[in-house]
């Protein structure tokens, strides 16, 4: 539940050369995906959050880990992998 410690400060987005918000988004998706209560909306949440990120023009993760290095709460980029799994699973269910 380390993802729950994300404070939404935006340091990860500022540090990313692509202006990617994936660490922030993945922390929020991971936080809820790990709870049994979050499973009901997991597919819709992952698709909606990535769709909104794309709509707002944020870039995609290129795994440089700059976001992880700058995060004051030490959120791991392993959450981005969880976000990608949640999104792919949701798309496969469509």
Protein backbone atom coordinates (compact mmCIF):
# COMPACT_ATOMS: atom_id res chain seq x y z
CA UNK A 1 0.00 0.00 0.00
CA UNK A 2 2.96 2.33 -0.52
CA UNK A 3 1.03 3.83 -3.42
CA UNK A 4 -1.47 5.26 -0.94
CA UNK A 5 1.23 7.59 0.36
CA UNK A 6 1.20 9.61 -2.90
CA UNK A 7 0.44 13.24 -2.08
CA UNK A 8 -0.19 14.35 -5.66
CA UNK A 9 2.56 16.98 -5.57
CA UNK A 10 3.45 16.63 -9.26
CA UNK A 11 7.21 16.27 -8.71
CA UNK A 12 7.13 13.12 -10.84
CA UNK A 13 5.52 14.94 -13.76
CA UNK A 14 7.97 17.83 -13.50
CA UNK A 15 10.95 15.45 -13.47
CA UNK A 16 9.81 13.42 -16.48
CA UNK A 17 11.23 14.41 -19.86
CA UNK A 18 7.89 13.44 -21.43
CA UNK A 19 5.81 15.25 -18.85
CA UNK A 20 4.26 11.88 -18.04
CA UNK A 21 1.81 11.66 -15.18
CA UNK A 22 2.00 7.88 -15.16
CA UNK A 23 3.58 7.58 -11.70
CA UNK A 24 0.85 9.71 -10.15
CA UNK A 25 -1.93 7.96 -12.08
CA UNK A 26 -0.48 4.52 -11.38
CA UNK A 27 -0.23 5.27 -7.67
CA UNK A 28 -3.93 6.11 -7.56
CA UNK A 29 -4.93 3.08 -9.66
CA UNK A 30 -2.66 0.76 -7.64
CA UNK A 31 -3.95 2.07 -4.34
CA UNK A 32 -7.49 1.11 -5.28
CA UNK A 33 -6.65 -2.02 -7.29
CA UNK A 34 -5.07 -3.65 -4.26
CA UNK A 35 -8.22 -3.29 -2.16
CA UNK A 36 -11.08 -5.79 -2.53
CA UNK A 37 -13.54 -2.88 -2.61
CA UNK A 38 -11.70 -1.40 -5.60
CA UNK A 39 -12.20 -4.42 -7.83
CA UNK A 40 -15.74 -3.49 -8.82
CA UNK A 41 -14.62 -0.42 -10.77
CA UNK A 42 -11.05 -1.50 -11.58
CA UNK A 43 -11.48 -1.89 -15.35
CA UNK A 44 -13.47 1.31 -15.79
CA UNK A 45 -11.05 3.25 -13.55
CA UNK A 46 -7.91 2.21 -15.44
CA UNK A 47 -9.42 3.02 -18.84
CA UNK A 48 -10.88 6.33 -17.69
CA UNK A 49 -7.72 7.56 -16.00
CA UNK A 50 -5.46 6.72 -18.95
CA UNK A 51 -7.98 8.23 -21.34
CA UNK A 52 -8.04 11.47 -19.34
CA UNK A 53 -4.25 11.52 -19.19
CA UNK A 54 -4.11 11.21 -22.99
CA UNK A 55 -6.81 13.86 -23.41
CA UNK A 56 -4.83 16.31 -21.29
CA UNK A 57 -1.67 15.72 -23.34
CA UNK A 58 0.54 13.97 -20.82
CA UNK A 59 3.26 11.81 -22.35
CA UNK A 60 3.86 8.12 -21.80
CA UNK A 61 6.43 6.50 -19.56
CA UNK A 62 9.82 5.75 -21.10
CA UNK A 63 11.20 4.07 -17.96
CA UNK A 64 13.96 6.59 -17.24
CA UNK A 65 12.93 6.44 -13.55
CA UNK A 66 13.39 10.20 -13.11
CA UNK A 67 9.93 10.32 -11.55
CA UNK A 68 10.82 7.69 -8.99
CA UNK A 69 14.04 9.51 -8.07
CA UNK A 70 12.22 12.81 -7.45
CA UNK A 71 9.18 11.44 -5.62
CA UNK A 72 9.21 12.69 -2.01
CA UNK A 73 7.19 9.63 -0.96
CA UNK A 74 9.40 7.12 -2.84
CA UNK A 75 6.59 5.72 -4.98
CA UNK A 76 7.99 2.88 -7.09
CA UNK A 77 7.60 2.66 -10.85
CA UNK A 78 6.42 -0.91 -10.28
CA UNK A 79 3.04 0.79 -9.91
CA UNK A 80 3.25 1.77 -13.58
CA UNK A 81 3.52 -1.91 -14.45
CA UNK A 82 0.40 -2.56 -12.35
CA UNK A 83 -1.41 0.27 -14.15
CA UNK A 84 -0.46 -1.22 -17.52
CA UNK A 85 -1.68 -4.67 -16.42
CA UNK A 86 -4.97 -3.20 -15.18
CA UNK A 87 -5.43 -1.31 -18.45
CA UNK A 88 -4.60 -4.29 -20.70
CA UNK A 89 -6.90 -6.55 -18.67
CA UNK A 90 -9.69 -3.99 -18.99
CA UNK A 91 -9.21 -3.65 -22.74
CA UNK A 92 -9.22 -7.43 -23.21
CA UNK A 93 -12.57 -7.61 -21.41
CA UNK A 94 -14.13 -5.16 -23.92
